[in-house]
Amino acid sequence: MLQKEIADHGPVLVGDKNRRYSNPAYNLLDQAQRRILAATRGLQIHSVATQGKSDHQGQKNEKAREIAAQLEAADPLFARPRH
């Protein structure tokens, strides 16, 4: 809603006596985004908490590829997960 307000009215508003001032929706939008980020950190639902550090992601992907290769090479009598 705030982004639509900013898009509709622009970054600068004109008030009484041709006085120009910044759109207060910018401050409200910034404050809302900061609160969202603080909440995700507090609840531990941000990307680092859920996925791990980005520099460790390659190691995770490597392990997943190894497991997939082992499943492909396994005896066909073993049950395989369906995709």
PDB file of N, CA and C in Angstrom:
ATOM      1  N   MET A   1       0.819  -1.170   0.000  1.00  0.00           N
ATOM      2  CA  MET A   1       0.000   0.000   0.000  1.00  0.00           C
ATOM      3  C   MET A   1       0.884   1.263   0.000  1.00  0.00           C
ATOM      4  N   LEU A   2       1.971   1.219   0.800  1.00  0.00           N
ATOM      5  CA  LEU A   2       2.859   2.380   0.842  1.00  0.00           C
ATOM      6  C   LEU A   2       3.588   2.575  -0.489  1.00  0.00           C
ATOM      7  N   GLN A   3       3.990   1.476  -1.108  1.00  0.00           N
ATOM      8  CA  GLN A   3       4.669   1.590  -2.396  1.00  0.00           C
ATOM      9  C   GLN A   3       3.738   2.173  -3.451  1.00  0.00           C
ATOM     10  N   LYS A   4       2.471   1.793  -3.406  1.00  0.00           N
ATOM     11  CA  LYS A   4       1.506   2.357  -4.345  1.00  0.00           C
ATOM     12  C   LYS A   4       1.336   3.852  -4.081  1.00  0.00           C
ATOM     13  N   GLU A   5       1.287   4.226  -2.813  1.00  0.00           N
ATOM     14  CA  GLU A   5       1.174   5.639  -2.442  1.00  0.00           C
ATOM     15  C   GLU A   5       2.363   6.433  -2.981  1.00  0.00           C
ATOM     16  N   ILE A   6       3.556   5.867  -2.843  1.00  0.00           N
ATOM     17  CA  ILE A   6       4.758   6.544  -3.338  1.00  0.00           C
ATOM     18  C   ILE A   6       4.723   6.647  -4.860  1.00  0.00           C
ATOM     19  N   ALA A   7       4.287   5.564  -5.515  1.00  0.00           N
ATOM     20  CA  ALA A   7       4.205   5.581  -6.976  1.00  0.00           C
ATOM     21  C   ALA A   7       3.177   6.598  -7.469  1.00  0.00           C
ATOM     22  N   ASP A   8       2.073   6.710  -6.752  1.00  0.00           N
ATOM     23  CA  ASP A   8       1.011   7.634  -7.167  1.00  0.00           C
ATOM     24  C   ASP A   8       1.392   9.097  -6.966  1.00  0.00           C
ATOM     25  N   HIS A   9       1.993   9.415  -5.839  1.00  0.00           N
ATOM     26  CA  HIS A   9       2.229  10.813  -5.479  1.00  0.00           C
ATOM     27  C   HIS A   9       3.669  11.280  -5.653  1.00  0.00           C
ATOM     28  N   GLY A  10       4.609  10.355  -5.819  1.00  0.00           N
ATOM     29  CA  GLY A  10       5.993  10.734  -6.035  1.00  0.00           C
ATOM     30  C   GLY A  10       6.754  10.964  -4.742  1.00  0.00           C
ATOM     31  N   PRO A  11       8.060  11.173  -4.862  1.00  0.00           N
ATOM     32  CA  PRO A  11       8.904  11.308  -3.674  1.00  0.00           C
ATOM     33  C   PRO A  11       8.798  12.669  -2.984  1.00  0.00           C
ATOM     34  N   VAL A  12       8.367  13.703  -3.722  1.00  0.00           N
ATOM     35  CA  VAL A  12       8.279  15.046  -3.153  1.00  0.00           C
ATOM     36  C   VAL A  12       6.839  15.527  -3.252  1.00  0.00           C
ATOM     37  N   LEU A  13       6.323  16.009  -2.123  1.00  0.00           N
ATOM     38  CA  LEU A  13       4.963  16.546  -2.086  1.00  0.00           C
ATOM     39  C   LEU A  13       5.028  18.055  -1.938  1.00  0.00           C
ATOM     40  N   VAL A  14       4.004  18.735  -2.417  1.00  0.00           N
ATOM     41  CA  VAL A  14       3.935  20.198  -2.317  1.00  0.00           C
ATOM     42  C   VAL A  14       2.797  20.537  -1.363  1.00  0.00           C
ATOM     43  N   GLY A  15       3.133  21.315  -0.348  1.00  0.00           N
ATOM     44  CA  GLY A  15       2.136  21.667   0.658  1.00  0.00           C
ATOM     45  C   GLY A  15       1.677  23.104   0.519  1.00  0.00           C
ATOM     46  N   ASP A  16       1.274  23.691   1.645  1.00  0.00           N
ATOM     47  CA  ASP A  16       0.814  25.075   1.683  1.00  0.00           C
ATOM     48  C   ASP A  16       1.924  26.027   1.242  1.00  0.00           C
ATOM     49  N   LYS A  17       1.561  27.065   0.577  1.00  0.00           N
ATOM     50  CA  LYS A  17       2.491  28.113   0.135  1.00  0.00           C
ATOM     51  C   LYS A  17       3.640  27.554  -0.705  1.00  0.00           C
ATOM     52  N   ASN A  18       3.317  26.521  -1.503  1.00  0.00           N
ATOM     53  CA  ASN A  18       4.300  25.908  -2.401  1.00  0.00           C
ATOM     54  C   ASN A  18       5.488  25.304  -1.660  1.00  0.00           C
ATOM     55  N   ARG A  19       5.303  24.957  -0.413  1.00  0.00           N
ATOM     56  CA  ARG A  19       6.372  24.348   0.381  1.00  0.00           C
ATOM     57  C   ARG A  19       6.531  22.891  -0.038  1.00  0.00           C
ATOM     58  N   ARG A  20       7.756  22.472  -0.327  1.00  0.00           N
ATOM     59  CA  ARG A  20       8.033  21.098  -0.754  1.00  0.00           C
ATOM     60  C   ARG A  20       8.583  20.300   0.428  1.00  0.00           C
ATOM     61  N   TYR A  21       8.147  19.053   0.525  1.00  0.00           N
ATOM     62  CA  TYR A  21       8.651  18.171   1.579  1.00  0.00           C
ATOM     63  C   TYR A  21       8.630  16.737   1.071  1.00  0.00           C
ATOM     64  N   SER A  22       9.447  15.899   1.696  1.00  0.00           N
ATOM     65  CA  SER A  22       9.527  14.509   1.247  1.00  0.00           C
ATOM     66  C   SER A  22       8.263  13.759   1.649  1.00  0.00           C
ATOM     67  N   ASN A  23       7.919  12.795   0.854  1.00  0.00           N
ATOM     68  CA  ASN A  23       6.724  11.996   1.073  1.00  0.00           C
ATOM     69  C   ASN A  23       6.887  11.184   2.366  1.00  0.00           C
ATOM     70  N   PRO A  24       5.999  11.340   3.339  1.00  0.00           N
ATOM     71  CA  PRO A  24       6.136  10.594   4.595  1.00  0.00           C
ATOM     72  C   PRO A  24       5.969   9.089   4.418  1.00  0.00           C
ATOM     73  N   ALA A  25       5.438   8.669   3.292  1.00  0.00           N
ATOM     74  CA  ALA A  25       5.300   7.234   3.038  1.00  0.00           C
ATOM     75  C   ALA A  25       6.667   6.563   2.944  1.00  0.00           C
ATOM     76  N   TYR A  26       7.698   7.305   2.501  1.00  0.00           N
ATOM     77  CA  TYR A  26       9.054   6.754   2.453  1.00  0.00           C
ATOM     78  C   TYR A  26       9.519   6.360   3.847  1.00  0.00           C
ATOM     79  N   ASN A  27       9.318   7.230   4.827  1.00  0.00           N
ATOM     80  CA  ASN A  27       9.731   6.921   6.194  1.00  0.00           C
ATOM     81  C   ASN A  27       8.948   5.737   6.755  1.00  0.00           C
ATOM     82  N   LEU A  28       7.658   5.699   6.478  1.00  0.00           N
ATOM     83  CA  LEU A  28       6.842   4.591   6.961  1.00  0.00           C
ATOM     84  C   LEU A  28       7.251   3.267   6.321  1.00  0.00           C
ATOM     85  N   LEU A  29       7.544   3.297   5.024  1.00  0.00           N
ATOM     86  CA  LEU A  29       7.972   2.095   4.322  1.00  0.00           C
ATOM     87  C   LEU A  29       9.312   1.610   4.863  1.00  0.00           C
ATOM     88  N   ASP A  30      10.237   2.523   5.080  1.00  0.00           N
ATOM     89  CA  ASP A  30      11.541   2.164   5.626  1.00  0.00           C
ATOM     90  C   ASP A  30      11.394   1.561   7.015  1.00  0.00           C
ATOM     91  N   GLN A  31      10.562   2.155   7.837  1.00  0.00           N
ATOM     92  CA  GLN A  31      10.340   1.656   9.193  1.00  0.00           C
ATOM     93  C   GLN A  31       9.706   0.265   9.167  1.00  0.00           C
ATOM     94  N   ALA A  32       8.762   0.046   8.281  1.00  0.00           N
ATOM     95  CA  ALA A  32       8.117  -1.266   8.165  1.00  0.00           C
ATOM     96  C   ALA A  32       9.121  -2.328   7.724  1.00  0.00           C
ATOM     97  N   GLN A  33       9.979  -1.989   6.766  1.00  0.00           N
ATOM     98  CA  GLN A  33      10.978  -2.945   6.296  1.00  0.00           C
ATOM     99  C   GLN A  33      11.980  -3.278   7.396  1.00  0.00           C
ATOM    100  N   ARG A  34      12.381  -2.288   8.176  1.00  0.00           N
ATOM    101  CA  ARG A  34      13.298  -2.542   9.288  1.00  0.00           C
ATOM    102  C   ARG A  34      12.662  -3.456  10.329  1.00  0.00           C
ATOM    103  N   ARG A  35      11.398  -3.236  10.608  1.00  0.00           N
ATOM    104  CA  ARG A  35      10.708  -4.085  11.584  1.00  0.00           C
ATOM    105  C   ARG A  35      10.575  -5.517  11.081  1.00  0.00           C
ATOM    106  N   ILE A  36      10.324  -5.673   9.789  1.00  0.00           N
ATOM    107  CA  ILE A  36      10.225  -7.019   9.207  1.00  0.00           C
ATOM    108  C   ILE A  36      11.566  -7.737   9.336  1.00  0.00           C
ATOM    109  N   LEU A  37      12.657  -7.054   9.002  1.00  0.00           N
ATOM    110  CA  LEU A  37      13.975  -7.667   9.117  1.00  0.00           C
ATOM    111  C   LEU A  37      14.308  -8.022  10.559  1.00  0.00           C
ATOM    112  N   ALA A  38      13.975  -7.147  11.494  1.00  0.00           N
ATOM    113  CA  ALA A  38      14.229  -7.426  12.907  1.00  0.00           C
ATOM    114  C   ALA A  38      13.408  -8.630  13.373  1.00  0.00           C
ATOM    115  N   ALA A  39      12.180  -8.732  12.917  1.00  0.00           N
ATOM    116  CA  ALA A  39      11.333  -9.861  13.302  1.00  0.00           C
ATOM    117  C   ALA A  39      11.876 -11.176  12.741  1.00  0.00           C
ATOM    118  N   THR A  40      12.333 -11.168  11.489  1.00  0.00           N
ATOM    119  CA  THR A  40      12.875 -12.407  10.916  1.00  0.00           C
ATOM    120  C   THR A  40      14.141 -12.844  11.634  1.00  0.00           C
ATOM    121  N   ARG A  41      14.965 -11.871  12.042  1.00  0.00           N
ATOM    122  CA  ARG A  41      16.163 -12.233  12.812  1.00  0.00           C
ATOM    123  C   ARG A  41      15.771 -12.766  14.183  1.00  0.00           C
ATOM    124  N   GLY A  42      14.823 -12.122  14.825  1.00  0.00           N
ATOM    125  CA  GLY A  42      14.401 -12.557  16.147  1.00  0.00           C
ATOM    126  C   GLY A  42      13.746 -13.927  16.146  1.00  0.00           C
ATOM    127  N   LEU A  43      12.971 -14.212  15.121  1.00  0.00           N
ATOM    128  CA  LEU A  43      12.299 -15.506  15.010  1.00  0.00           C
ATOM    129  C   LEU A  43      13.171 -16.579  14.375  1.00  0.00           C
ATOM    130  N   GLN A  44      14.367 -16.194  13.949  1.00  0.00           N
ATOM    131  CA  GLN A  44      15.308 -17.108  13.288  1.00  0.00           C
ATOM    132  C   GLN A  44      14.701 -17.749  12.043  1.00  0.00           C
ATOM    133  N   ILE A  45      14.048 -16.921  11.222  1.00  0.00           N
ATOM    134  CA  ILE A  45      13.494 -17.420   9.960  1.00  0.00           C
ATOM    135  C   ILE A  45      14.141 -16.727   8.767  1.00  0.00           C
ATOM    136  N   HIS A  46      15.287 -16.073   9.004  1.00  0.00           N
ATOM    137  CA  HIS A  46      15.984 -15.434   7.897  1.00  0.00           C
ATOM    138  C   HIS A  46      16.808 -16.486   7.151  1.00  0.00           C
ATOM    139  N   SER A  47      17.358 -16.122   6.017  1.00  0.00           N
ATOM    140  CA  SER A  47      17.993 -17.094   5.121  1.00  0.00           C
ATOM    141  C   SER A  47      19.192 -17.795   5.750  1.00  0.00           C
ATOM    142  N   VAL A  48      19.986 -17.101   6.544  1.00  0.00           N
ATOM    143  CA  VAL A  48      21.148 -17.747   7.152  1.00  0.00           C
ATOM    144  C   VAL A  48      20.703 -18.796   8.161  1.00  0.00           C
ATOM    145  N   ALA A  49      19.653 -18.515   8.911  1.00  0.00           N
ATOM    146  CA  ALA A  49      19.169 -19.479   9.902  1.00  0.00           C
ATOM    147  C   ALA A  49      18.524 -20.688   9.247  1.00  0.00           C
ATOM    148  N   THR A  50      17.853 -20.505   8.121  1.00  0.00           N
ATOM    149  CA  THR A  50      17.148 -21.620   7.493  1.00  0.00           C
ATOM    150  C   THR A  50      18.000 -22.385   6.490  1.00  0.00           C
ATOM    151  N   GLN A  51      18.877 -21.692   5.755  1.00  0.00           N
ATOM    152  CA  GLN A  51      19.674 -22.337   4.709  1.00  0.00           C
ATOM    153  C   GLN A  51      21.147 -22.476   5.062  1.00  0.00           C
ATOM    154  N   GLY A  52      21.617 -21.724   6.038  1.00  0.00           N
ATOM    155  CA  GLY A  52      23.030 -21.748   6.388  1.00  0.00           C
ATOM    156  C   GLY A  52      23.777 -20.661   5.643  1.00  0.00           C
ATOM    157  N   LYS A  53      25.044 -20.525   5.994  1.00  0.00           N
ATOM    158  CA  LYS A  53      25.862 -19.499   5.357  1.00  0.00           C
ATOM    159  C   LYS A  53      26.050 -19.811   3.880  1.00  0.00           C
ATOM    160  N   SER A  54      26.130 -18.774   3.087  1.00  0.00           N
ATOM    161  CA  SER A  54      26.232 -18.968   1.638  1.00  0.00           C
ATOM    162  C   SER A  54      27.538 -19.642   1.244  1.00  0.00           C
ATOM    163  N   ASP A  55      28.622 -19.412   2.004  1.00  0.00           N
ATOM    164  CA  ASP A  55      29.887 -20.057   1.640  1.00  0.00           C
ATOM    165  C   ASP A  55      29.871 -21.548   1.972  1.00  0.00           C
ATOM    166  N   HIS A  56      28.912 -22.009   2.775  1.00  0.00           N
ATOM    167  CA  HIS A  56      28.773 -23.433   3.062  1.00  0.00           C
ATOM    168  C   HIS A  56      27.818 -24.123   2.093  1.00  0.00           C
ATOM    169  N   GLN A  57      27.128 -23.338   1.285  1.00  0.00           N
ATOM    170  CA  GLN A  57      26.117 -23.896   0.385  1.00  0.00           C
ATOM    171  C   GLN A  57      26.742 -24.841  -0.643  1.00  0.00           C
ATOM    172  N   GLY A  58      27.937 -24.530  -1.117  1.00  0.00           N
ATOM    173  CA  GLY A  58      28.603 -25.398  -2.084  1.00  0.00           C
ATOM    174  C   GLY A  58      28.871 -26.777  -1.518  1.00  0.00           C
ATOM    175  N   GLN A  59      29.262 -26.820  -0.242  1.00  0.00           N
ATOM    176  CA  GLN A  59      29.507 -28.107   0.404  1.00  0.00           C
ATOM    177  C   GLN A  59      28.215 -28.909   0.532  1.00  0.00           C
ATOM    178  N   LYS A  60      27.116 -28.216   0.846  1.00  0.00           N
ATOM    179  CA  LYS A  60      25.829 -28.901   0.939  1.00  0.00           C
ATOM    180  C   LYS A  60      25.430 -29.474  -0.418  1.00  0.00           C
ATOM    181  N   ASN A  61      25.620 -28.679  -1.464  1.00  0.00           N
ATOM    182  CA  ASN A  61      25.263 -29.134  -2.809  1.00  0.00           C
ATOM    183  C   ASN A  61      26.127 -30.320  -3.219  1.00  0.00           C
ATOM    184  N   GLU A  62      27.401 -30.294  -2.836  1.00  0.00           N
ATOM    185  CA  GLU A  62      28.306 -31.389  -3.172  1.00  0.00           C
ATOM    186  C   GLU A  62      27.835 -32.677  -2.502  1.00  0.00           C
ATOM    187  N   LYS A  63      27.448 -32.588  -1.242  1.00  0.00           N
ATOM    188  CA  LYS A  63      26.944 -33.766  -0.523  1.00  0.00           C
ATOM    189  C   LYS A  63      25.671 -34.292  -1.180  1.00  0.00           C
ATOM    190  N   ALA A  64      24.791 -33.406  -1.591  1.00  0.00           N
ATOM    191  CA  ALA A  64      23.550 -33.825  -2.250  1.00  0.00           C
ATOM    192  C   ALA A  64      23.852 -34.541  -3.564  1.00  0.00           C
ATOM    193  N   ARG A  65      24.828 -34.041  -4.307  1.00  0.00           N
ATOM    194  CA  ARG A  65      25.210 -34.701  -5.562  1.00  0.00           C
ATOM    195  C   ARG A  65      25.814 -36.081  -5.296  1.00  0.00           C
ATOM    196  N   GLU A  66      26.627 -36.202  -4.235  1.00  0.00           N
ATOM    197  CA  GLU A  66      27.210 -37.496  -3.894  1.00  0.00           C
ATOM    198  C   GLU A  66      26.119 -38.504  -3.544  1.00  0.00           C
ATOM    199  N   ILE A  67      25.157 -38.077  -2.746  1.00  0.00           N
ATOM    200  CA  ILE A  67      24.061 -38.970  -2.355  1.00  0.00           C
ATOM    201  C   ILE A  67      23.243 -39.379  -3.575  1.00  0.00           C
ATOM    202  N   ALA A  68      22.980 -38.424  -4.469  1.00  0.00           N
ATOM    203  CA  ALA A  68      22.225 -38.737  -5.688  1.00  0.00           C
ATOM    204  C   ALA A  68      22.981 -39.745  -6.551  1.00  0.00           C
ATOM    205  N   ALA A  69      24.302 -39.587  -6.647  1.00  0.00           N
ATOM    206  CA  ALA A  69      25.109 -40.525  -7.437  1.00  0.00           C
ATOM    207  C   ALA A  69      25.098 -41.910  -6.794  1.00  0.00           C
ATOM    208  N   GLN A  70      25.133 -41.975  -5.479  1.00  0.00           N
ATOM    209  CA  GLN A  70      25.086 -43.266  -4.796  1.00  0.00           C
ATOM    210  C   GLN A  70      23.741 -43.939  -5.000  1.00  0.00           C
ATOM    211  N   LEU A  71      22.676 -43.164  -5.020  1.00  0.00           N
ATOM    212  CA  LEU A  71      21.349 -43.741  -5.269  1.00  0.00           C
ATOM    213  C   LEU A  71      21.246 -44.302  -6.677  1.00  0.00           C
ATOM    214  N   GLU A  72      21.834 -43.586  -7.622  1.00  0.00           N
ATOM    215  CA  GLU A  72      21.794 -44.060  -9.014  1.00  0.00           C
ATOM    216  C   GLU A  72      22.594 -45.356  -9.169  1.00  0.00           C
ATOM    217  N   ALA A  73      23.681 -45.470  -8.425  1.00  0.00           N
ATOM    218  CA  ALA A  73      24.541 -46.647  -8.532  1.00  0.00           C
ATOM    219  C   ALA A  73      24.055 -47.800  -7.672  1.00  0.00           C
ATOM    220  N   ALA A  74      23.080 -47.607  -6.830  1.00  0.00           N
ATOM    221  CA  ALA A  74      22.600 -48.642  -5.910  1.00  0.00           C
ATOM    222  C   ALA A  74      21.901 -49.761  -6.674  1.00  0.00           C
ATOM    223  N   ASP A  75      21.832 -50.882  -6.020  1.00  0.00           N
ATOM    224  CA  ASP A  75      21.161 -52.055  -6.584  1.00  0.00           C
ATOM    225  C   ASP A  75      19.698 -51.697  -6.888  1.00  0.00           C
ATOM    226  N   PRO A  76      19.186 -52.080  -8.049  1.00  0.00           N
ATOM    227  CA  PRO A  76      17.814 -51.702  -8.421  1.00  0.00           C
ATOM    228  C   PRO A  76      16.735 -52.359  -7.550  1.00  0.00           C
ATOM    229  N   LEU A  77      17.110 -53.327  -6.703  1.00  0.00           N
ATOM    230  CA  LEU A  77      16.118 -53.953  -5.830  1.00  0.00           C
ATOM    231  C   LEU A  77      15.772 -53.075  -4.644  1.00  0.00           C
ATOM    232  N   PHE A  78      16.640 -52.092  -4.346  1.00  0.00           N
ATOM    233  CA  PHE A  78      16.341 -51.193  -3.246  1.00  0.00           C
ATOM    234  C   PHE A  78      15.303 -50.169  -3.688  1.00  0.00           C
ATOM    235  N   ALA A  79      14.440 -49.799  -2.757  1.00  0.00           N
ATOM    236  CA  ALA A  79      13.427 -48.789  -3.059  1.00  0.00           C
ATOM    237  C   ALA A  79      14.113 -47.439  -3.258  1.00  0.00           C
ATOM    238  N   ARG A  80      13.641 -46.675  -4.231  1.00  0.00           N
ATOM    239  CA  ARG A  80      14.204 -45.363  -4.521  1.00  0.00           C
ATOM    240  C   ARG A  80      13.137 -44.293  -4.313  1.00  0.00           C
ATOM    241  N   PRO A  81      13.548 -43.143  -3.827  1.00  0.00           N
ATOM    242  CA  PRO A  81      12.555 -42.075  -3.666  1.00  0.00           C
ATOM    243  C   PRO A  81      12.050 -41.606  -5.022  1.00  0.00           C
ATOM    244  N   ARG A  82      10.782 -41.263  -5.067  1.00  0.00           N
ATOM    245  CA  ARG A  82      10.209 -40.746  -6.321  1.00  0.00           C
ATOM    246  C   ARG A  82      10.367 -39.254  -6.362  1.00  0.00           C
ATOM    247  N   HIS A  83      10.569 -38.718  -7.532  1.00  0.00           N
ATOM    248  CA  HIS A  83      10.784 -37.263  -7.692  1.00  0.00           C
ATOM    249  C   HIS A  83       9.496 -36.579  -7.925  1.00  0.00           C
TER     250      HIS A  83
END
